[in-house]
Protein backbone atom coordinates (compact mmCIF):
# COMPACT_ATOMS: atom_id res chain seq x y z
CA MET A 1 59.71 63.65 168.37
CA ARG A 2 58.59 65.18 165.25
CA LYS A 3 61.05 67.59 164.57
CA LEU A 4 63.11 65.45 165.45
CA THR A 5 63.13 62.78 162.63
CA ILE A 6 62.53 65.76 160.02
CA LYS A 7 65.60 67.16 161.27
CA GLN A 8 67.82 64.01 161.31
CA ALA A 9 66.45 63.31 157.29
CA ALA A 10 67.33 66.56 156.40
CA ALA A 11 70.93 65.95 157.84
CA ALA A 12 71.24 62.91 156.19
CA VAL A 13 70.06 64.01 152.46
CA LEU A 14 72.51 67.42 152.61
CA ALA A 15 75.35 64.46 153.22
CA LEU A 16 74.35 62.48 150.62
CA LEU A 17 74.13 65.19 147.79
CA THR A 18 78.12 66.26 149.37
CA LEU A 19 79.09 63.24 148.94
CA LEU A 20 78.17 63.10 145.12
CA LEU A 21 78.36 66.14 144.58
CA ALA A 22 82.16 65.55 145.36
CA SER A 23 82.14 62.32 143.32
CA CYS A 24 81.73 63.98 140.62
CA ASP A 25 84.84 67.17 140.63
CA PRO A 26 87.72 65.35 140.59
CA SER A 27 88.99 69.09 141.88
CA GLY A 28 87.54 68.52 145.16
CA ASP A 29 86.35 72.33 145.10
CA GLY A 30 82.55 72.13 143.58
CA ASN A 31 82.88 74.23 141.15
CA ALA A 32 82.11 71.54 137.95
CA THR A 33 78.42 70.78 139.01
CA GLU A 34 75.86 71.11 136.92
CA ALA A 35 77.68 69.62 133.61
CA PRO A 36 78.28 66.67 135.16
CA THR A 37 74.59 65.82 137.07
CA GLU A 38 73.53 65.84 133.36
CA SER A 39 76.15 63.91 131.82
CA GLY A 40 77.91 62.03 133.70
CA GLU A 41 80.56 63.42 132.59
CA VAL A 42 84.07 65.71 133.41
CA THR A 43 82.52 68.09 131.03
CA THR A 44 84.60 71.44 132.33
CA PRO A 45 87.67 70.91 130.20
CA ALA A 46 86.10 69.98 126.71
CA ALA A 47 84.16 73.23 127.58
CA GLU A 48 86.73 75.30 128.18
CA ASP A 49 88.52 74.01 124.27
CA VAL A 50 84.83 74.77 123.07
CA THR A 51 84.97 78.29 124.52
CA ALA A 52 88.61 78.89 123.68
CA ASP A 53 87.55 78.81 120.16
CA PRO A 54 84.59 80.33 118.97
CA ASP A 55 84.20 78.87 115.13
CA THR A 56 84.46 76.03 117.06
CA GLU A 57 81.84 75.76 118.77
CA ALA A 58 79.02 78.11 116.25
CA PRO A 59 78.55 74.78 114.28
CA THR A 60 78.10 72.42 117.11
CA GLU A 61 75.51 74.14 118.80
CA THR A 62 73.68 74.99 115.09
CA SER A 63 74.40 71.38 113.25
CA THR A 64 72.32 70.22 117.26
CA GLU A 65 69.84 72.22 116.94
CA GLU A 66 69.59 71.62 113.05
CA GLU A 67 69.40 68.15 113.78
CA SER A 68 66.65 68.38 116.28
CA GLU A 69 64.71 70.54 114.17
CA ALA A 70 64.85 69.70 110.86
CA PRO A 71 63.06 66.36 111.40
CA THR A 72 59.87 68.05 112.57
CA GLU A 73 59.61 70.77 110.19
CA GLU A 74 59.91 68.30 107.83
CA GLU A 75 57.29 66.66 109.22
CA THR A 76 55.17 69.37 110.08
CA GLU A 77 55.54 70.44 105.55
CA SER A 78 54.90 66.84 104.55
CA GLU A 79 51.57 66.69 107.22
CA ALA A 80 50.09 69.97 106.18
CA PHE A 81 48.43 68.04 102.59
CA VAL A 82 45.56 65.65 103.65
CA MET A 83 46.63 63.31 100.52
CA GLY A 84 44.74 61.60 97.93
CA THR A 85 45.44 58.92 95.77
CA LEU A 86 45.70 58.39 91.67
CA GLN A 87 46.67 56.00 88.96
CA ASN A 88 47.75 56.39 85.53
CA PRO A 89 46.92 56.90 83.07
CA LEU A 90 45.38 60.38 84.03
CA SER A 91 42.77 60.20 80.73
CA ALA A 92 39.97 57.76 80.03
CA ASN A 93 40.73 59.04 76.06
CA ALA A 94 43.70 59.55 74.33
CA ALA A 95 45.44 62.75 75.31
CA ALA A 96 48.91 63.00 73.48
CA ASP A 97 51.57 65.54 74.17
CA PRO A 98 50.25 66.64 77.51
CA VAL A 99 50.44 69.80 79.27
CA VAL A 100 49.80 70.78 83.09
CA VAL A 101 50.72 73.77 85.19
CA TYR A 102 49.68 75.23 88.68
CA HIS A 103 48.71 78.23 89.12
CA GLU A 104 46.57 79.82 92.59
CA GLY A 105 45.21 77.05 93.50
CA TYR A 106 44.67 74.96 90.35
CA TYR A 107 45.84 72.64 87.94
CA TYR A 108 45.60 73.37 84.14
CA ALA A 109 45.76 71.17 81.50
CA THR A 110 45.55 70.99 77.77
CA TYR A 111 46.65 68.64 75.02
CA THR A 112 46.66 67.88 71.38
CA GLU A 113 43.41 67.85 69.57
CA ALA A 114 44.27 68.44 65.69
CA ILE A 115 40.54 69.70 65.68
CA GLY A 116 41.05 73.15 68.36
CA ILE A 117 42.59 74.46 71.59
CA SER A 118 41.23 73.69 74.94
CA LEU A 119 42.24 74.16 79.14
CA PHE A 120 41.09 72.35 82.05
CA ARG A 121 40.74 73.29 85.13
CA SER A 122 40.16 71.43 88.91
CA LYS A 123 41.55 71.60 92.12
CA ASP A 124 41.72 68.25 92.59
CA LEU A 125 44.99 66.80 90.81
CA LYS A 126 43.25 63.65 90.23
CA THR A 127 39.53 65.46 88.49
CA LEU A 128 42.11 67.98 85.87
CA LEU A 129 40.57 65.98 83.12
CA THR A 130 37.42 66.18 84.12
CA ASP A 131 35.90 68.69 86.34
CA GLU A 132 36.80 72.51 83.99
CA LYS A 133 36.73 72.96 80.57
CA ILE A 134 36.86 76.21 77.98
CA THR A 135 37.11 76.14 73.98
CA VAL A 136 39.85 78.29 74.00
CA MET A 137 40.42 78.39 69.55
CA ASN A 138 38.85 76.18 66.70
CA LEU A 139 39.28 75.59 63.17
CA ASN A 140 39.61 79.26 61.28
CA GLU A 141 40.34 80.95 58.28
CA THR A 142 43.49 81.93 59.52
CA VAL A 143 44.23 77.83 61.42
CA GLN A 144 42.83 75.06 59.39
CA GLY A 145 44.26 72.00 60.62
CA ASN A 146 46.41 69.71 62.59
CA ILE A 147 46.58 71.88 65.98
CA TRP A 148 49.54 70.11 67.31
CA ALA A 149 50.64 70.07 70.91
CA PRO A 150 49.75 73.60 72.76
CA GLU A 151 51.34 74.81 75.33
CA LEU A 152 50.61 77.32 78.39
CA HIS A 153 53.08 79.87 79.59
CA TYR A 154 52.68 82.56 82.04
CA ASN A 155 54.78 85.68 81.17
CA PRO A 156 55.97 88.19 84.17
CA ALA A 157 57.10 91.32 81.94
CA THR A 158 53.81 91.16 80.23
CA ASP A 159 51.18 89.78 82.95
CA ARG A 160 49.56 88.33 79.99
CA TRP A 161 48.93 83.78 79.68
CA TYR A 162 50.39 82.83 76.39
CA ILE A 163 49.91 79.60 74.70
CA TYR A 164 52.08 77.77 72.09
CA ALA A 165 50.51 75.34 69.03
CA SER A 166 51.45 74.59 65.51
CA GLY A 167 48.64 74.48 62.76
CA SER A 168 48.31 73.89 59.00
CA THR A 169 47.47 77.87 57.08
CA ASN A 170 46.13 75.41 54.61
CA GLY A 171 43.63 72.61 54.74
CA TRP A 172 45.28 69.44 56.67
CA ASP A 173 48.27 70.43 54.31
CA PHE A 174 50.79 68.91 56.43
CA PHE A 175 54.04 71.35 54.36
CA THR A 176 51.74 74.28 55.36
CA ILE A 177 52.09 74.11 59.55
CA ARG A 178 53.29 77.32 61.40
CA MET A 179 53.94 77.56 65.13
CA PHE A 180 51.03 80.58 66.74
CA CYS A 181 50.35 82.28 69.07
CA LEU A 182 47.51 83.28 72.16
CA GLU A 183 47.40 85.76 74.69
CA SER A 184 45.21 86.13 77.03
CA LYS A 185 43.34 89.29 77.73
CA THR A 186 43.78 89.53 81.29
CA ASN A 187 46.03 87.70 83.41
CA ASP A 188 43.57 84.83 84.04
CA PRO A 189 44.57 81.70 82.19
CA PHE A 190 41.03 80.39 82.10
CA GLY A 191 39.59 83.43 80.20
CA GLU A 192 39.16 84.71 76.33
CA TYR A 193 42.18 84.41 74.32
CA VAL A 194 43.36 86.49 71.20
CA PHE A 195 45.18 85.25 68.28
CA LYS A 196 48.60 87.03 68.60
CA GLY A 197 50.21 85.46 65.04
CA PHE A 198 52.74 83.38 63.37
CA THR A 199 55.56 83.26 65.65
CA ASP A 200 57.88 82.28 62.79
CA PRO A 201 55.91 82.15 59.53
CA ASN A 202 58.12 81.27 56.97
CA THR A 203 59.28 78.27 58.72
CA LEU A 204 57.91 74.47 58.85
CA ALA A 205 58.38 73.61 62.44
CA ILE A 206 56.21 73.00 65.43
CA ASP A 207 56.51 72.74 69.32
CA GLN A 208 57.63 75.37 70.94
CA THR A 209 57.96 75.99 74.06
CA VAL A 210 59.16 79.08 76.05
CA PHE A 211 61.83 80.10 79.21
CA TYR A 212 61.56 83.17 80.04
CA ASP A 213 64.92 84.52 82.08
CA GLU A 214 63.53 87.37 84.43
CA GLN A 215 67.18 88.88 85.28
CA SER A 216 67.62 90.04 81.74
CA GLY A 217 64.26 89.84 80.48
CA THR A 218 65.02 87.94 78.20
CA LEU A 219 62.89 85.58 76.24
CA TYR A 220 64.37 82.25 75.01
CA THR A 221 62.12 79.92 72.25
CA ALA A 222 62.76 76.15 71.26
CA PHE A 223 60.95 74.19 68.44
CA SER A 224 61.43 71.70 66.21
CA GLN A 225 61.98 72.48 62.97
CA PHE A 226 61.54 70.17 60.01
CA THR A 227 65.07 69.38 57.75
CA ASP A 228 67.33 67.54 56.30
CA LYS A 229 68.44 65.91 59.10
CA GLY A 230 65.40 64.99 59.84
CA GLN A 231 63.61 66.96 62.51
CA VAL A 232 65.81 69.03 65.15
CA ILE A 233 65.74 71.17 67.80
CA THR A 234 66.29 74.60 67.06
CA LEU A 235 66.78 77.31 69.66
CA ALA A 236 66.53 81.41 69.23
CA VAL A 237 65.80 84.94 71.22
CA MET A 238 61.97 85.76 71.09
CA GLU A 239 61.48 90.19 69.84
CA ASN A 240 58.27 89.78 72.02
CA PRO A 241 55.84 86.67 73.26
CA TRP A 242 54.80 85.91 69.46
CA THR A 243 57.63 87.38 68.10
CA VAL A 244 61.01 84.76 67.02
CA SER A 245 63.90 86.45 65.65
CA ASP A 246 66.98 85.76 63.27
CA LYS A 247 69.01 85.25 66.45
CA ARG A 248 68.96 81.09 66.66
CA ILE A 249 71.86 78.24 66.64
CA GLU A 250 70.61 74.72 66.55
CA VAL A 251 71.37 72.66 69.47
CA SER A 252 70.44 69.15 68.93
CA PHE A 253 70.33 66.67 66.37
CA PRO A 254 69.10 63.39 65.62
CA ARG A 255 72.87 61.42 65.93
CA TYR A 256 72.45 58.35 67.96
CA GLU A 257 70.28 55.30 67.03
CA TRP A 258 68.02 55.23 70.46
CA GLU A 259 67.43 58.95 68.48
CA ARG A 260 66.75 57.42 64.59
CA LEU A 261 63.66 54.57 65.50
CA GLY A 262 60.59 53.42 64.36
CA LYS A 263 60.32 53.40 60.90
CA THR A 264 58.02 53.26 58.53
CA GLU A 265 57.65 53.44 54.59
CA ASN A 266 55.70 57.17 54.71
CA LYS A 267 57.38 58.43 58.10
CA ASP A 268 60.69 59.98 58.69
CA GLU A 269 61.64 58.53 62.38
CA ARG A 270 64.36 61.04 62.67
CA VAL A 271 63.39 62.98 65.18
CA ASN A 272 64.04 65.58 67.93
CA GLU A 273 60.72 67.37 68.81
CA GLY A 274 58.54 68.29 71.80
CA PRO A 275 61.28 70.34 73.49
CA VAL A 276 60.86 72.09 77.25
CA PHE A 277 62.64 73.59 79.58
CA LEU A 278 63.14 72.32 82.81
CA TYR A 279 64.99 75.18 85.04
CA ARG A 280 64.90 74.67 88.86
CA ASN A 281 67.40 75.60 91.41
CA GLY A 282 69.34 77.92 89.15
CA LYS A 283 69.35 75.00 87.05
CA LEU A 284 68.78 75.08 83.49
CA CYS A 285 67.80 72.14 81.58
CA LEU A 286 66.25 71.69 78.22
CA LEU A 287 64.84 68.16 77.15
CA TYR A 288 63.09 66.81 74.25
CA SER A 289 61.86 63.69 72.70
CA ALA A 290 63.05 61.43 70.28
CA SER A 291 62.25 58.76 67.07
CA GLY A 292 59.27 58.11 66.34
CA CYS A 293 56.08 59.38 68.09
CA TRP A 294 53.87 56.98 67.33
CA SER A 295 56.37 53.75 68.00
CA GLU A 296 57.04 52.21 71.49
CA TYR A 297 60.80 53.87 70.65
CA TYR A 298 59.39 57.13 71.18
CA CYS A 299 61.90 58.07 74.62
CA LEU A 300 62.78 61.43 76.25
CA GLY A 301 66.80 62.89 75.79
CA LEU A 302 68.14 65.88 77.83
CA LEU A 303 70.09 69.44 76.74
CA GLU A 304 71.95 70.63 79.85
CA PHE A 305 72.87 73.89 79.69
CA THR A 306 76.54 75.00 81.94
CA GLY A 307 76.74 78.50 80.74
CA ASP A 308 77.18 80.85 83.58
CA ASP A 309 74.78 82.86 82.84
CA PHE A 310 71.38 83.14 80.91
CA THR A 311 72.87 86.50 79.17
CA GLU A 312 72.06 85.77 75.34
CA GLU A 313 75.55 85.70 74.92
CA SER A 314 76.03 82.71 77.19
CA VAL A 315 72.48 80.91 76.69
CA MET A 316 72.68 81.20 72.73
CA ARG A 317 76.43 79.53 72.51
CA ARG A 318 75.86 75.44 71.11
CA THR A 319 78.74 74.70 73.33
CA ASN A 320 76.89 75.83 76.41
CA TRP A 321 74.81 72.83 75.53
CA LYS A 322 76.07 69.43 76.85
CA LYS A 323 74.07 66.99 74.99
CA SER A 324 73.15 63.18 77.36
CA SER A 325 74.52 60.18 74.82
CA GLN A 326 71.53 57.92 76.29
CA PRO A 327 67.88 58.75 76.92
CA VAL A 328 66.84 59.97 80.03
CA PHE A 329 62.80 58.38 80.19
CA GLN A 330 62.35 55.27 77.88
CA ALA A 331 59.67 52.77 77.74
CA ALA A 332 59.30 50.19 81.22
CA ASN A 333 56.50 48.77 83.48
CA GLU A 334 54.37 48.18 80.04
CA VAL A 335 54.41 52.28 79.22
CA TYR A 336 55.57 52.64 76.12
CA GLY A 337 56.59 55.26 74.04
CA VAL A 338 56.80 57.65 76.67
CA GLY A 339 57.75 61.76 74.95
CA HIS A 340 56.69 64.95 74.79
CA CYS A 341 56.43 66.17 78.66
CA PHE A 342 56.01 69.12 80.62
CA PHE A 343 57.02 69.90 83.86
CA PHE A 344 54.87 71.21 86.95
CA ASP A 345 55.18 71.31 90.76
CA THR A 346 52.21 70.65 92.66
CA PRO A 347 51.88 72.97 96.18
CA ASP A 348 53.37 71.10 98.49
CA GLY A 349 57.03 71.77 96.42
CA GLN A 350 57.42 68.00 94.44
CA THR A 351 58.34 68.43 91.08
CA TRP A 352 56.00 66.02 88.81
CA ILE A 353 56.47 65.08 84.66
CA SER A 354 53.10 64.81 82.40
CA TYR A 355 53.75 62.91 79.52
CA HIS A 356 51.67 60.47 77.07
CA GLY A 357 52.18 56.89 76.98
CA MET A 358 51.03 53.81 75.00
CA HIS A 359 49.18 51.11 76.71
CA THR A 360 50.54 48.75 73.86
CA PRO A 361 53.93 48.88 71.65
CA ASP A 362 51.92 49.00 68.60
CA ALA A 363 48.96 51.87 69.86
CA GLY A 364 50.28 54.36 67.08
CA GLU A 365 49.69 57.97 67.71
CA ALA A 366 45.91 57.14 68.62
CA GLY A 367 47.05 55.43 71.28
CA ARG A 368 48.63 57.64 73.54
CA TYR A 369 47.27 58.42 76.86
CA MET A 370 48.16 61.10 79.87
CA TYR A 371 50.44 59.82 82.52
CA ILE A 372 52.14 62.19 85.59
CA GLN A 373 54.43 61.03 88.14
CA PRO A 374 56.77 63.22 90.49
CA ILE A 375 60.00 63.25 89.98
CA ASP A 376 63.41 64.28 91.50
CA PHE A 377 67.06 65.43 91.40
CA ASP A 378 70.26 64.10 91.41
CA GLU A 379 73.19 66.56 93.84
CA LYS A 380 74.12 68.09 90.39
CA GLY A 381 70.12 69.49 89.69
CA LEU A 382 69.61 67.42 87.33
CA PRO A 383 66.45 65.78 86.02
CA VAL A 384 66.06 62.55 87.51
CA LEU A 385 62.90 60.66 85.80
CA GLY A 386 63.29 57.44 86.48
CA GLU A 387 60.88 55.00 85.02
CA PRO A 388 57.37 54.99 84.11
CA LEU A 389 55.32 53.77 87.12
CA SER A 390 52.51 51.15 86.21
CA ARG A 391 48.88 51.42 85.76
CA ASP A 392 48.80 49.76 88.78
CA THR A 393 50.84 51.47 90.56
CA VAL A 394 49.10 53.97 93.34
CA ILE A 395 50.23 57.69 93.39
CA GLU A 396 50.16 60.12 96.28
CA TYR A 397 49.17 63.76 95.86
CA PRO A 398 48.54 66.86 98.21
CA LEU A 399 44.82 67.06 97.62
CA THR A 400 44.23 69.95 100.13
CA LYS A 401 45.95 71.54 102.50
CA LYS A 402 44.91 71.34 105.99
CA GLU A 403 42.95 73.85 108.12
């Protein structure tokens, strides 16, 4: 009796499957069985159309896979780090012209101290200025005062680190300020440095920065030079990491009103200074600070390089540098006098900006503190800096990588 029941059940199931397959196959020949079973649609004609056009088929399959996998990859990257939080300013005391560099698990920082140059180091961005510190240089017989705006750069051609800064050669006499260069004794950025010399001994200039093009092996520099037009941005080729060549052009001067604010009796408000190169994904820009650094109007301007390559002929052609007619970063959210910036990448691939800002409009040069925040880029590859984040904004940053 039990065997008969099983046979009857099997026959009934077989008959039901036959009916279902027949209903999904309008041709009645039983060929279109698998795809209709999954989708509930007649897919044979569509499959034939796709198969007949390989160019159509490949993007269709690839696109489907990428759409399903991309969120997973993005999620994995973002979740690879334990995130910490911080708030601006990063410095408890005044720290003008801040520079931050990330290298092999450590953040490094330096800023204007006037009486010397210090380097700070930490694995945690939040404690960058309170963890480790070394003194790289003090005032001496060669550089006697006004040590301003040190910048830390690595040169792969020499496998050495360089610190560019400026200082006066006769006490604190402003008119004897010259740019100079220090070179690391080893490839350790947190080690000893030696004085290599004044990079342009006959020019009254400050705020030297560099950009190394690995393809051509050319080292470019930009700095703020004092002229009868105010402070202008000069672009030049370096003979070596500590010598500026005679190949130079003026790429920017204070032509717009927003570059000439903050006038005082004894200070020239016509300011273009603090240049810094920003190179990301093949796009090169030169950002700079405008108006008086002592004023609430201090802000950032931008020069976009529009040349086809980074050869000397192209980079040193003035018409290949397009200047923005408006500031790209200025006071907001009760943060004033924002400028003299630098850029660095965190280990998760995010680009950040460091800059100084003031808590009140009249804080002056003694009231400039170190701020940092992440930035973005537009479809052309130009930086989108947004606004200075308020001091009560909580900022997430990668703290440690998950094991």
